[in-house]
N, C-alpha and C. Protein backbone atom coordinates (compact mmCIF):
# COMPACT_ATOMS: atom_id res chain seq x y z
N UNK A 1 -21.39 21.33 -4.59
CA UNK A 1 -21.18 20.23 -3.65
C UNK A 1 -21.78 18.93 -4.18
N UNK A 2 -23.00 19.05 -4.84
CA UNK A 2 -23.64 17.87 -5.39
C UNK A 2 -22.79 17.25 -6.49
N UNK A 3 -22.16 18.11 -7.31
CA UNK A 3 -21.31 17.62 -8.39
C UNK A 3 -20.11 16.87 -7.83
N UNK A 4 -19.48 17.41 -6.80
CA UNK A 4 -18.34 16.75 -6.17
C UNK A 4 -18.76 15.41 -5.59
N UNK A 5 -19.94 15.38 -4.99
CA UNK A 5 -20.44 14.14 -4.41
C UNK A 5 -20.61 13.07 -5.48
N UNK A 6 -21.16 13.47 -6.62
CA UNK A 6 -21.35 12.53 -7.72
C UNK A 6 -20.01 12.04 -8.24
N UNK A 7 -19.06 12.94 -8.35
CA UNK A 7 -17.72 12.54 -8.81
C UNK A 7 -17.10 11.52 -7.86
N UNK A 8 -17.25 11.76 -6.58
CA UNK A 8 -16.67 10.84 -5.60
C UNK A 8 -17.34 9.47 -5.68
N UNK A 9 -18.64 9.46 -5.93
CA UNK A 9 -19.35 8.19 -6.09
C UNK A 9 -18.83 7.44 -7.31
N UNK A 10 -18.60 8.17 -8.39
CA UNK A 10 -18.07 7.56 -9.61
C UNK A 10 -16.69 6.96 -9.36
N UNK A 11 -15.84 7.72 -8.69
CA UNK A 11 -14.49 7.24 -8.41
C UNK A 11 -14.51 6.02 -7.50
N UNK A 12 -15.37 6.07 -6.48
CA UNK A 12 -15.48 4.94 -5.55
C UNK A 12 -15.94 3.69 -6.28
N UNK A 13 -16.98 3.83 -7.11
CA UNK A 13 -17.49 2.69 -7.86
C UNK A 13 -16.44 2.16 -8.82
N UNK A 14 -15.69 3.06 -9.43
CA UNK A 14 -14.65 2.65 -10.38
C UNK A 14 -13.58 1.82 -9.70
N UNK A 15 -13.13 2.27 -8.54
CA UNK A 15 -12.09 1.53 -7.81
C UNK A 15 -12.59 0.13 -7.47
N UNK A 16 -13.82 0.03 -7.00
CA UNK A 16 -14.37 -1.27 -6.63
C UNK A 16 -14.44 -2.20 -7.84
N UNK A 17 -14.87 -1.66 -8.97
CA UNK A 17 -14.98 -2.48 -10.18
C UNK A 17 -13.61 -2.85 -10.74
N UNK A 18 -12.69 -1.90 -10.74
CA UNK A 18 -11.33 -2.20 -11.21
C UNK A 18 -10.71 -3.31 -10.37
N UNK A 19 -10.93 -3.25 -9.07
CA UNK A 19 -10.39 -4.28 -8.17
C UNK A 19 -11.00 -5.65 -8.46
N UNK A 20 -12.29 -5.66 -8.73
CA UNK A 20 -13.00 -6.93 -8.89
C UNK A 20 -12.78 -7.56 -10.26
N UNK A 21 -12.82 -6.73 -11.31
CA UNK A 21 -12.80 -7.28 -12.67
C UNK A 21 -11.51 -6.98 -13.45
N UNK A 22 -10.69 -6.06 -12.95
CA UNK A 22 -9.51 -5.66 -13.70
C UNK A 22 -9.78 -4.42 -14.52
N UNK A 23 -8.79 -3.56 -14.63
CA UNK A 23 -8.96 -2.28 -15.32
C UNK A 23 -9.46 -2.45 -16.75
N UNK A 24 -8.86 -3.36 -17.51
CA UNK A 24 -9.20 -3.52 -18.92
C UNK A 24 -10.60 -4.06 -19.15
N UNK A 25 -11.17 -4.73 -18.15
CA UNK A 25 -12.46 -5.40 -18.33
C UNK A 25 -13.66 -4.57 -17.89
N UNK A 26 -13.43 -3.39 -17.37
CA UNK A 26 -14.53 -2.55 -16.87
C UNK A 26 -14.91 -1.52 -17.93
N UNK A 27 -16.21 -1.39 -18.20
CA UNK A 27 -16.72 -0.44 -19.18
C UNK A 27 -17.44 0.70 -18.46
N UNK A 28 -17.58 1.81 -19.17
CA UNK A 28 -18.25 2.97 -18.58
C UNK A 28 -19.68 2.64 -18.16
N UNK A 29 -20.36 1.78 -18.92
CA UNK A 29 -21.72 1.41 -18.57
C UNK A 29 -21.76 0.72 -17.20
N UNK A 30 -20.79 -0.14 -16.94
CA UNK A 30 -20.72 -0.80 -15.63
C UNK A 30 -20.53 0.21 -14.51
N UNK A 31 -19.65 1.18 -14.75
CA UNK A 31 -19.39 2.20 -13.73
C UNK A 31 -20.64 3.03 -13.48
N UNK A 32 -21.32 3.39 -14.57
CA UNK A 32 -22.55 4.18 -14.44
C UNK A 32 -23.61 3.40 -13.67
N UNK A 33 -23.78 2.13 -14.01
CA UNK A 33 -24.77 1.29 -13.33
C UNK A 33 -24.44 1.16 -11.85
N UNK A 34 -23.17 0.92 -11.54
CA UNK A 34 -22.74 0.78 -10.15
C UNK A 34 -22.96 2.07 -9.37
N UNK A 35 -22.79 3.20 -10.05
CA UNK A 35 -22.96 4.51 -9.40
C UNK A 35 -24.42 4.88 -9.28
N UNK A 36 -25.27 4.30 -10.14
CA UNK A 36 -26.69 4.63 -10.13
C UNK A 36 -27.04 5.84 -10.97
N UNK A 37 -26.25 6.07 -12.03
CA UNK A 37 -26.50 7.20 -12.93
C UNK A 37 -26.44 6.69 -14.36
N UNK A 38 -26.81 7.57 -15.30
CA UNK A 38 -26.75 7.21 -16.71
C UNK A 38 -25.34 7.38 -17.24
N UNK A 39 -25.06 6.75 -18.38
CA UNK A 39 -23.75 6.91 -19.01
C UNK A 39 -23.54 8.37 -19.40
N UNK A 40 -24.62 9.02 -19.85
CA UNK A 40 -24.52 10.43 -20.21
C UNK A 40 -24.14 11.30 -19.03
N UNK A 41 -24.73 11.00 -17.87
CA UNK A 41 -24.39 11.76 -16.66
C UNK A 41 -22.94 11.50 -16.26
N UNK A 42 -22.51 10.26 -16.39
CA UNK A 42 -21.12 9.93 -16.08
C UNK A 42 -20.17 10.69 -17.00
N UNK A 43 -20.51 10.73 -18.31
CA UNK A 43 -19.66 11.41 -19.28
C UNK A 43 -19.59 12.91 -19.02
N UNK A 44 -20.60 13.46 -18.37
CA UNK A 44 -20.57 14.88 -18.01
C UNK A 44 -19.43 15.16 -17.04
N UNK A 45 -19.16 14.20 -16.17
CA UNK A 45 -18.10 14.37 -15.17
C UNK A 45 -16.75 13.86 -15.67
N UNK A 46 -16.77 12.72 -16.36
CA UNK A 46 -15.52 12.11 -16.87
C UNK A 46 -15.77 11.63 -18.29
N UNK A 47 -15.00 12.15 -19.23
CA UNK A 47 -15.27 11.86 -20.64
C UNK A 47 -14.96 10.41 -21.02
N UNK A 48 -14.06 9.76 -20.27
CA UNK A 48 -13.69 8.38 -20.58
C UNK A 48 -13.05 7.73 -19.36
N UNK A 49 -12.70 6.46 -19.52
CA UNK A 49 -12.11 5.71 -18.41
C UNK A 49 -10.74 6.27 -18.03
N UNK A 50 -10.01 6.78 -19.02
CA UNK A 50 -8.70 7.36 -18.74
C UNK A 50 -8.83 8.55 -17.79
N UNK A 51 -9.85 9.38 -18.01
CA UNK A 51 -10.07 10.54 -17.14
C UNK A 51 -10.41 10.10 -15.72
N UNK A 52 -11.18 9.02 -15.60
CA UNK A 52 -11.51 8.48 -14.28
C UNK A 52 -10.25 8.00 -13.58
N UNK A 53 -9.43 7.27 -14.31
CA UNK A 53 -8.21 6.73 -13.71
C UNK A 53 -7.27 7.84 -13.25
N UNK A 54 -7.15 8.89 -14.05
CA UNK A 54 -6.26 9.99 -13.67
C UNK A 54 -6.81 10.75 -12.46
N UNK A 55 -8.14 10.79 -12.32
CA UNK A 55 -8.74 11.41 -11.13
C UNK A 55 -8.48 10.55 -9.90
N UNK A 56 -8.56 9.24 -10.06
CA UNK A 56 -8.21 8.33 -8.97
C UNK A 56 -6.76 8.53 -8.57
N UNK A 57 -5.92 8.79 -9.57
CA UNK A 57 -4.50 9.03 -9.32
C UNK A 57 -4.28 10.18 -8.35
N UNK A 58 -5.08 11.24 -8.48
CA UNK A 58 -4.93 12.39 -7.58
C UNK A 58 -5.25 12.00 -6.15
N UNK A 59 -6.31 11.21 -5.96
CA UNK A 59 -6.64 10.74 -4.61
C UNK A 59 -5.53 9.83 -4.08
N UNK A 60 -5.04 8.98 -4.95
CA UNK A 60 -3.99 8.04 -4.57
C UNK A 60 -2.73 8.77 -4.13
N UNK A 61 -2.37 9.83 -4.85
CA UNK A 61 -1.19 10.62 -4.50
C UNK A 61 -1.30 11.18 -3.09
N UNK A 62 -2.48 11.71 -2.77
CA UNK A 62 -2.69 12.30 -1.45
C UNK A 62 -2.56 11.25 -0.35
N UNK A 63 -3.09 10.07 -0.59
CA UNK A 63 -3.04 9.02 0.43
C UNK A 63 -1.62 8.50 0.62
N UNK A 64 -0.86 8.38 -0.47
CA UNK A 64 0.53 7.95 -0.35
C UNK A 64 1.34 8.99 0.42
N UNK A 65 1.11 10.26 0.11
CA UNK A 65 1.83 11.33 0.82
C UNK A 65 1.55 11.28 2.31
N UNK A 66 0.31 10.97 2.68
CA UNK A 66 -0.06 10.87 4.09
C UNK A 66 0.67 9.72 4.76
N UNK A 67 0.77 8.58 4.06
CA UNK A 67 1.46 7.42 4.63
C UNK A 67 2.95 7.72 4.81
N UNK A 68 3.56 8.31 3.80
CA UNK A 68 4.98 8.64 3.89
C UNK A 68 5.25 9.64 5.01
N UNK A 69 4.26 10.48 5.31
CA UNK A 69 4.44 11.49 6.37
C UNK A 69 4.41 10.88 7.76
N UNK A 70 3.98 9.62 7.88
CA UNK A 70 3.91 8.97 9.19
C UNK A 70 5.23 8.32 9.57
N UNK A 71 6.28 8.65 8.87
CA UNK A 71 7.61 8.09 9.12
C UNK A 71 8.19 8.61 10.43
N UNK A 72 8.55 7.69 11.32
CA UNK A 72 9.22 7.99 12.59
C UNK A 72 8.44 8.98 13.46
N UNK A 73 7.15 8.73 13.61
CA UNK A 73 6.34 9.49 14.56
C UNK A 73 6.65 9.02 15.98
N UNK A 74 6.79 7.70 16.14
CA UNK A 74 7.14 7.12 17.44
C UNK A 74 8.58 6.60 17.36
N UNK A 75 9.40 6.83 18.37
CA UNK A 75 10.80 6.42 18.33
C UNK A 75 11.00 4.97 18.75
N UNK A 76 10.19 4.06 18.19
CA UNK A 76 10.34 2.65 18.55
C UNK A 76 9.84 1.77 17.41
N UNK A 77 9.87 0.46 17.60
CA UNK A 77 9.49 -0.49 16.55
C UNK A 77 8.03 -0.39 16.17
N UNK A 78 7.21 0.11 17.07
CA UNK A 78 5.78 0.24 16.79
C UNK A 78 5.54 1.19 15.62
N UNK A 79 6.41 2.15 15.43
CA UNK A 79 6.26 3.12 14.35
C UNK A 79 6.24 2.41 13.00
N UNK A 80 7.16 1.48 12.79
CA UNK A 80 7.22 0.75 11.53
C UNK A 80 6.00 -0.14 11.37
N UNK A 81 5.60 -0.80 12.44
CA UNK A 81 4.43 -1.67 12.40
C UNK A 81 3.19 -0.89 11.99
N UNK A 82 3.04 0.32 12.52
CA UNK A 82 1.90 1.16 12.17
C UNK A 82 1.92 1.55 10.70
N UNK A 83 3.12 1.88 10.19
CA UNK A 83 3.21 2.29 8.80
C UNK A 83 2.93 1.12 7.85
N UNK A 84 3.36 -0.07 8.23
CA UNK A 84 3.06 -1.25 7.42
C UNK A 84 1.55 -1.45 7.33
N UNK A 85 0.84 -1.23 8.43
CA UNK A 85 -0.62 -1.34 8.42
C UNK A 85 -1.23 -0.35 7.44
N UNK A 86 -0.75 0.87 7.45
CA UNK A 86 -1.26 1.89 6.54
C UNK A 86 -1.02 1.48 5.08
N UNK A 87 0.17 0.97 4.80
CA UNK A 87 0.46 0.51 3.44
C UNK A 87 -0.45 -0.64 3.04
N UNK A 88 -0.67 -1.57 3.96
CA UNK A 88 -1.51 -2.73 3.65
C UNK A 88 -2.91 -2.28 3.25
N UNK A 89 -3.52 -1.43 4.04
CA UNK A 89 -4.89 -1.01 3.74
C UNK A 89 -4.96 -0.15 2.48
N UNK A 90 -3.91 0.63 2.23
CA UNK A 90 -3.85 1.42 1.00
C UNK A 90 -3.79 0.50 -0.21
N UNK A 91 -2.91 -0.49 -0.19
CA UNK A 91 -2.76 -1.40 -1.32
C UNK A 91 -4.00 -2.26 -1.49
N UNK A 92 -4.63 -2.63 -0.41
CA UNK A 92 -5.88 -3.38 -0.50
C UNK A 92 -6.97 -2.52 -1.14
N UNK A 93 -7.03 -1.25 -0.77
CA UNK A 93 -8.03 -0.34 -1.32
C UNK A 93 -7.84 -0.15 -2.81
N UNK A 94 -6.58 -0.02 -3.23
CA UNK A 94 -6.27 0.21 -4.65
C UNK A 94 -5.55 -1.00 -5.23
N UNK A 95 -6.08 -2.18 -5.01
CA UNK A 95 -5.40 -3.42 -5.44
C UNK A 95 -5.12 -3.41 -6.94
N UNK A 96 -6.03 -2.89 -7.73
CA UNK A 96 -5.85 -2.89 -9.19
C UNK A 96 -4.61 -2.12 -9.60
N UNK A 97 -4.23 -1.11 -8.82
CA UNK A 97 -3.06 -0.29 -9.13
C UNK A 97 -1.79 -1.13 -9.15
N UNK A 98 -1.78 -2.21 -8.39
CA UNK A 98 -0.63 -3.11 -8.34
C UNK A 98 -0.82 -4.33 -9.22
N UNK A 99 -2.03 -4.88 -9.23
CA UNK A 99 -2.30 -6.07 -10.04
C UNK A 99 -2.21 -5.74 -11.53
N UNK A 100 -2.75 -4.59 -11.92
CA UNK A 100 -2.78 -4.18 -13.34
C UNK A 100 -1.79 -3.05 -13.60
N UNK A 101 -0.63 -3.11 -12.98
CA UNK A 101 0.30 -1.97 -13.02
C UNK A 101 0.70 -1.56 -14.44
N UNK A 102 0.94 -2.52 -15.32
CA UNK A 102 1.35 -2.19 -16.69
C UNK A 102 0.22 -1.47 -17.41
N UNK A 103 -1.00 -2.00 -17.30
CA UNK A 103 -2.15 -1.38 -17.96
C UNK A 103 -2.46 -0.01 -17.36
N UNK A 104 -2.33 0.11 -16.05
CA UNK A 104 -2.57 1.40 -15.38
C UNK A 104 -1.61 2.45 -15.90
N UNK A 105 -0.33 2.12 -15.98
CA UNK A 105 0.68 3.09 -16.41
C UNK A 105 0.51 3.47 -17.88
N UNK A 106 0.04 2.55 -18.70
CA UNK A 106 -0.22 2.86 -20.10
C UNK A 106 -1.42 3.79 -20.24
N UNK A 107 -2.42 3.57 -19.41
CA UNK A 107 -3.65 4.35 -19.50
C UNK A 107 -3.47 5.75 -18.95
N UNK A 108 -2.73 5.88 -17.86
CA UNK A 108 -2.48 7.19 -17.23
C UNK A 108 -0.97 7.30 -16.98
N UNK A 109 -0.21 7.78 -17.97
CA UNK A 109 1.26 7.77 -17.89
C UNK A 109 1.84 8.46 -16.66
N UNK A 110 1.16 9.50 -16.15
CA UNK A 110 1.71 10.18 -14.97
C UNK A 110 1.77 9.25 -13.76
N UNK A 111 0.96 8.19 -13.79
CA UNK A 111 1.00 7.23 -12.70
C UNK A 111 2.32 6.47 -12.69
N UNK A 112 2.90 6.23 -13.86
CA UNK A 112 4.17 5.51 -13.94
C UNK A 112 5.28 6.30 -13.25
N UNK A 113 5.33 7.60 -13.53
CA UNK A 113 6.35 8.46 -12.91
C UNK A 113 6.15 8.53 -11.40
N UNK A 114 4.89 8.67 -10.99
CA UNK A 114 4.59 8.73 -9.56
C UNK A 114 4.96 7.42 -8.87
N UNK A 115 4.67 6.31 -9.53
CA UNK A 115 4.97 5.00 -8.95
C UNK A 115 6.46 4.87 -8.64
N UNK A 116 7.29 5.27 -9.59
CA UNK A 116 8.74 5.19 -9.39
C UNK A 116 9.19 6.07 -8.23
N UNK A 117 8.60 7.26 -8.13
CA UNK A 117 8.99 8.19 -7.07
C UNK A 117 8.63 7.65 -5.69
N UNK A 118 7.39 7.19 -5.54
CA UNK A 118 6.98 6.77 -4.19
C UNK A 118 7.61 5.44 -3.80
N UNK A 119 7.92 4.58 -4.77
CA UNK A 119 8.64 3.35 -4.45
C UNK A 119 10.03 3.68 -3.92
N UNK A 120 10.70 4.62 -4.57
CA UNK A 120 12.03 5.04 -4.13
C UNK A 120 12.00 5.60 -2.72
N UNK A 121 10.99 6.45 -2.43
CA UNK A 121 10.87 7.04 -1.10
C UNK A 121 10.54 5.97 -0.05
N UNK A 122 9.70 5.04 -0.44
CA UNK A 122 9.29 3.98 0.49
C UNK A 122 10.49 3.12 0.88
N UNK A 123 11.27 2.69 -0.11
CA UNK A 123 12.45 1.87 0.18
C UNK A 123 13.46 2.66 1.00
N UNK A 124 13.62 3.94 0.68
CA UNK A 124 14.56 4.79 1.42
C UNK A 124 14.16 4.89 2.89
N UNK A 125 12.86 5.06 3.15
CA UNK A 125 12.40 5.14 4.54
C UNK A 125 12.67 3.84 5.29
N UNK A 126 12.39 2.72 4.64
CA UNK A 126 12.63 1.43 5.29
C UNK A 126 14.12 1.28 5.61
N UNK A 127 14.96 1.65 4.65
CA UNK A 127 16.41 1.53 4.86
C UNK A 127 16.88 2.43 6.00
N UNK A 128 16.36 3.65 6.05
CA UNK A 128 16.78 4.59 7.10
C UNK A 128 16.33 4.12 8.48
N UNK A 129 15.26 3.33 8.52
CA UNK A 129 14.82 2.79 9.81
C UNK A 129 15.90 1.88 10.42
N UNK A 130 16.59 1.15 9.57
CA UNK A 130 17.66 0.29 10.09
C UNK A 130 18.76 1.13 10.73
N UNK A 131 19.16 2.20 10.05
CA UNK A 131 20.20 3.07 10.62
C UNK A 131 19.73 3.69 11.93
N UNK A 132 18.48 4.15 11.95
CA UNK A 132 17.93 4.78 13.16
C UNK A 132 17.91 3.79 14.32
N UNK A 133 17.47 2.57 14.04
CA UNK A 133 17.37 1.59 15.11
C UNK A 133 18.72 1.00 15.50
N UNK A 134 19.70 1.06 14.60
CA UNK A 134 21.07 0.72 14.99
C UNK A 134 21.56 1.74 16.00
N UNK A 135 21.27 3.02 15.73
CA UNK A 135 21.71 4.08 16.65
C UNK A 135 21.03 3.98 18.00
N UNK A 136 19.82 3.39 18.03
CA UNK A 136 19.11 3.20 19.30
C UNK A 136 19.59 1.95 20.03
N UNK A 137 20.33 1.10 19.33
CA UNK A 137 20.82 -0.12 19.95
C UNK A 137 19.87 -1.29 19.88
N UNK A 138 18.84 -1.21 19.02
CA UNK A 138 17.87 -2.31 18.94
C UNK A 138 18.06 -3.17 17.68
N UNK A 139 18.85 -2.68 16.73
CA UNK A 139 19.18 -3.44 15.53
C UNK A 139 20.71 -3.61 15.50
N UNK A 140 21.15 -4.81 15.11
CA UNK A 140 22.58 -5.06 15.02
C UNK A 140 23.18 -4.30 13.83
N UNK A 141 24.45 -4.00 13.91
CA UNK A 141 25.14 -3.43 12.77
C UNK A 141 25.18 -4.47 11.64
N UNK A 142 25.29 -3.98 10.42
CA UNK A 142 25.29 -4.89 9.27
C UNK A 142 26.38 -5.95 9.40
N UNK A 143 25.99 -7.20 9.18
CA UNK A 143 26.97 -8.29 9.22
C UNK A 143 27.89 -8.23 8.00
N UNK A 144 27.36 -7.67 6.91
CA UNK A 144 28.17 -7.46 5.71
C UNK A 144 27.60 -6.26 4.96
N UNK A 145 28.44 -5.52 4.23
CA UNK A 145 27.98 -4.31 3.54
C UNK A 145 26.83 -4.60 2.56
N UNK A 146 25.82 -3.74 2.60
CA UNK A 146 24.70 -3.88 1.67
C UNK A 146 23.59 -4.78 2.15
N UNK A 147 23.78 -5.44 3.31
CA UNK A 147 22.77 -6.36 3.81
C UNK A 147 21.43 -5.67 4.02
N UNK A 148 21.45 -4.50 4.66
CA UNK A 148 20.19 -3.83 4.97
C UNK A 148 19.60 -3.14 3.74
N UNK A 149 20.42 -2.82 2.75
CA UNK A 149 19.88 -2.32 1.48
C UNK A 149 19.01 -3.41 0.84
N UNK A 150 19.55 -4.61 0.80
CA UNK A 150 18.81 -5.74 0.23
C UNK A 150 17.57 -6.06 1.04
N UNK A 151 17.69 -6.02 2.37
CA UNK A 151 16.56 -6.33 3.23
C UNK A 151 15.46 -5.29 3.07
N UNK A 152 15.83 -4.02 2.93
CA UNK A 152 14.83 -2.97 2.73
C UNK A 152 14.06 -3.20 1.44
N UNK A 153 14.75 -3.59 0.38
CA UNK A 153 14.07 -3.87 -0.89
C UNK A 153 13.18 -5.10 -0.77
N UNK A 154 13.63 -6.11 -0.04
CA UNK A 154 12.82 -7.32 0.15
C UNK A 154 11.54 -7.01 0.92
N UNK A 155 11.66 -6.16 1.94
CA UNK A 155 10.48 -5.77 2.72
C UNK A 155 9.52 -4.97 1.85
N UNK A 156 10.07 -4.08 1.02
CA UNK A 156 9.20 -3.33 0.10
C UNK A 156 8.43 -4.28 -0.81
N UNK A 157 9.12 -5.27 -1.37
CA UNK A 157 8.45 -6.21 -2.27
C UNK A 157 7.34 -6.97 -1.55
N UNK A 158 7.57 -7.34 -0.31
CA UNK A 158 6.53 -8.02 0.46
C UNK A 158 5.31 -7.13 0.63
N UNK A 159 5.55 -5.88 1.03
CA UNK A 159 4.44 -4.95 1.25
C UNK A 159 3.67 -4.71 -0.05
N UNK A 160 4.41 -4.44 -1.13
CA UNK A 160 3.77 -4.05 -2.39
C UNK A 160 3.03 -5.19 -3.07
N UNK A 161 3.51 -6.42 -2.91
CA UNK A 161 2.94 -7.52 -3.69
C UNK A 161 2.23 -8.57 -2.85
N UNK A 162 2.08 -8.33 -1.56
CA UNK A 162 1.36 -9.29 -0.72
C UNK A 162 -0.10 -9.40 -1.15
N UNK A 163 -0.75 -8.27 -1.32
CA UNK A 163 -2.16 -8.29 -1.73
C UNK A 163 -2.32 -8.87 -3.13
N UNK A 164 -1.56 -8.40 -4.15
CA UNK A 164 -1.71 -8.99 -5.49
C UNK A 164 -1.49 -10.50 -5.53
N UNK A 165 -0.45 -11.00 -4.85
CA UNK A 165 -0.21 -12.45 -4.90
C UNK A 165 -1.30 -13.21 -4.17
N UNK A 166 -1.89 -12.60 -3.14
CA UNK A 166 -3.00 -13.25 -2.44
C UNK A 166 -4.21 -13.38 -3.36
N UNK A 167 -4.48 -12.34 -4.15
CA UNK A 167 -5.59 -12.38 -5.09
C UNK A 167 -5.34 -13.40 -6.19
N UNK A 168 -4.11 -13.47 -6.68
CA UNK A 168 -3.75 -14.45 -7.72
C UNK A 168 -3.97 -15.87 -7.21
N UNK A 169 -3.75 -16.06 -5.92
CA UNK A 169 -3.91 -17.40 -5.32
C UNK A 169 -5.35 -17.70 -4.93
N UNK A 170 -6.26 -16.81 -5.30
CA UNK A 170 -7.68 -17.09 -5.12
C UNK A 170 -8.31 -16.52 -3.88
N UNK A 171 -7.57 -15.77 -3.08
CA UNK A 171 -8.16 -15.14 -1.91
C UNK A 171 -9.00 -13.94 -2.34
N UNK A 172 -9.89 -13.53 -1.48
CA UNK A 172 -10.82 -12.45 -1.81
C UNK A 172 -10.63 -11.28 -0.85
N UNK A 173 -10.91 -10.08 -1.36
CA UNK A 173 -10.90 -8.90 -0.51
C UNK A 173 -12.13 -8.90 0.39
N UNK A 174 -12.04 -8.40 1.63
CA UNK A 174 -10.84 -7.87 2.28
C UNK A 174 -9.94 -8.99 2.82
N UNK A 175 -8.66 -8.70 2.89
CA UNK A 175 -7.68 -9.65 3.39
C UNK A 175 -7.28 -9.29 4.82
N UNK A 176 -6.55 -10.18 5.47
CA UNK A 176 -6.05 -9.91 6.82
C UNK A 176 -4.57 -9.55 6.74
N UNK A 177 -4.18 -8.55 7.51
CA UNK A 177 -2.81 -8.06 7.44
C UNK A 177 -1.82 -8.84 8.30
N UNK A 178 -2.30 -9.65 9.23
CA UNK A 178 -1.41 -10.26 10.21
C UNK A 178 -0.35 -11.16 9.57
N UNK A 179 -0.72 -11.91 8.53
CA UNK A 179 0.26 -12.80 7.90
C UNK A 179 1.39 -12.01 7.25
N UNK A 180 1.04 -10.89 6.62
CA UNK A 180 2.07 -10.02 6.03
C UNK A 180 3.00 -9.48 7.10
N UNK A 181 2.43 -8.96 8.17
CA UNK A 181 3.25 -8.34 9.21
C UNK A 181 4.13 -9.37 9.91
N UNK A 182 3.60 -10.56 10.12
CA UNK A 182 4.42 -11.59 10.75
C UNK A 182 5.59 -11.99 9.85
N UNK A 183 5.35 -12.06 8.53
CA UNK A 183 6.42 -12.39 7.59
C UNK A 183 7.51 -11.33 7.61
N UNK A 184 7.10 -10.07 7.63
CA UNK A 184 8.08 -8.97 7.66
C UNK A 184 8.89 -9.00 8.95
N UNK A 185 8.20 -9.17 10.07
CA UNK A 185 8.92 -9.19 11.35
C UNK A 185 9.83 -10.41 11.46
N UNK A 186 9.47 -11.51 10.82
CA UNK A 186 10.35 -12.68 10.82
C UNK A 186 11.66 -12.39 10.08
N UNK A 187 11.60 -11.49 9.09
CA UNK A 187 12.82 -11.09 8.39
C UNK A 187 13.68 -10.17 9.26
N UNK A 188 13.02 -9.33 10.04
CA UNK A 188 13.74 -8.35 10.86
C UNK A 188 14.28 -8.97 12.14
N UNK A 189 13.53 -9.92 12.70
CA UNK A 189 13.84 -10.45 14.04
C UNK A 189 15.29 -10.92 14.20
N UNK A 190 15.87 -11.66 13.25
CA UNK A 190 17.25 -12.13 13.45
C UNK A 190 18.27 -11.00 13.59
N UNK A 191 17.88 -9.80 13.21
CA UNK A 191 18.82 -8.67 13.27
C UNK A 191 18.61 -7.80 14.52
N UNK A 192 17.69 -8.20 15.38
CA UNK A 192 17.47 -7.46 16.62
C UNK A 192 18.54 -7.79 17.65
N UNK A 193 18.92 -6.78 18.42
CA UNK A 193 19.80 -6.99 19.57
C UNK A 193 18.94 -7.51 20.73
N UNK A 194 19.57 -7.77 21.86
CA UNK A 194 18.79 -8.18 23.04
C UNK A 194 17.81 -7.08 23.44
N UNK A 195 18.25 -5.83 23.34
CA UNK A 195 17.35 -4.71 23.63
C UNK A 195 16.21 -4.67 22.62
N UNK A 196 16.53 -4.97 21.38
CA UNK A 196 15.51 -4.99 20.34
C UNK A 196 14.50 -6.09 20.55
N UNK A 197 14.98 -7.26 20.96
CA UNK A 197 14.07 -8.37 21.23
C UNK A 197 13.13 -8.02 22.38
N UNK A 198 13.66 -7.38 23.40
CA UNK A 198 12.83 -6.97 24.54
C UNK A 198 11.76 -5.98 24.09
N UNK A 199 12.13 -5.03 23.22
CA UNK A 199 11.16 -4.06 22.72
C UNK A 199 10.13 -4.74 21.83
N UNK A 200 10.58 -5.68 21.04
CA UNK A 200 9.67 -6.45 20.17
C UNK A 200 8.65 -7.22 21.01
N UNK A 201 9.13 -7.87 22.05
CA UNK A 201 8.24 -8.64 22.93
C UNK A 201 7.24 -7.72 23.64
N UNK A 202 7.67 -6.53 23.95
CA UNK A 202 6.80 -5.60 24.68
C UNK A 202 5.77 -4.92 23.78
N UNK A 203 6.18 -4.53 22.56
CA UNK A 203 5.32 -3.70 21.71
C UNK A 203 4.65 -4.44 20.56
N UNK A 204 5.33 -5.40 19.97
CA UNK A 204 4.83 -6.03 18.75
C UNK A 204 4.09 -7.33 19.03
N UNK A 205 4.65 -8.18 19.87
CA UNK A 205 4.01 -9.47 20.17
C UNK A 205 2.58 -9.30 20.66
N UNK A 206 2.28 -8.33 21.56
CA UNK A 206 0.89 -8.17 21.99
C UNK A 206 -0.08 -7.88 20.84
N UNK A 207 0.40 -7.24 19.78
CA UNK A 207 -0.46 -6.97 18.63
C UNK A 207 -0.86 -8.26 17.93
N UNK A 208 0.07 -9.20 17.83
CA UNK A 208 -0.25 -10.50 17.25
C UNK A 208 -1.19 -11.28 18.16
N UNK A 209 -0.98 -11.16 19.46
CA UNK A 209 -1.85 -11.86 20.41
C UNK A 209 -3.28 -11.34 20.31
N UNK A 210 -3.43 -10.02 20.14
CA UNK A 210 -4.76 -9.42 20.02
C UNK A 210 -5.47 -9.89 18.75
N UNK A 211 -4.70 -10.09 17.68
CA UNK A 211 -5.29 -10.47 16.40
C UNK A 211 -5.56 -11.96 16.29
N UNK A 212 -5.00 -12.74 17.19
CA UNK A 212 -5.17 -14.20 17.14
C UNK A 212 -6.63 -14.57 17.34
N UNK A 213 -7.14 -15.57 16.59
CA UNK A 213 -8.55 -15.97 16.74
C UNK A 213 -8.83 -16.60 18.09
């Protein structure tokens, strides 16, 4: 149990440092210092930075699977809003995974394959939400073929790159999710039916009111 605890501390410290300084700029000595152990002790658990990154990958896989499993728990617009929140906090937690995506995939190649898989599933879930909500009468039918395919991809890009672009623009972690969610809902809102607008006003607007300063 003590060994597992030490490993978790190493992984936690590594994620924090990767987020702050970038994957390529973090050395094992920094990770050891942040964890409060010697480099030799760190090497006992992880022989190099690549091994640390691949161990983080296993944790990351589990968290993504949990988020994907929250698809359509509630039969209303709140379900999507909740899942966006989960994605936001996940991407904020592992910001380096998106900011340093090329370096991450080179260092731990299995991450590249996983990234493609979960992106595909994520976009597919977003797209299927449109069909589901059309069947409920809260989303309008497509005005032209392929419209919601494009919109699903646009929403994915917003979710995936909101945190990285915020960091590039000089913002610091932790970030606030409300601006992201409002941007996404502004894309969806024009496609709501009257029933959809009523549901939006009932379920989503109060969330923005609660978050307002």
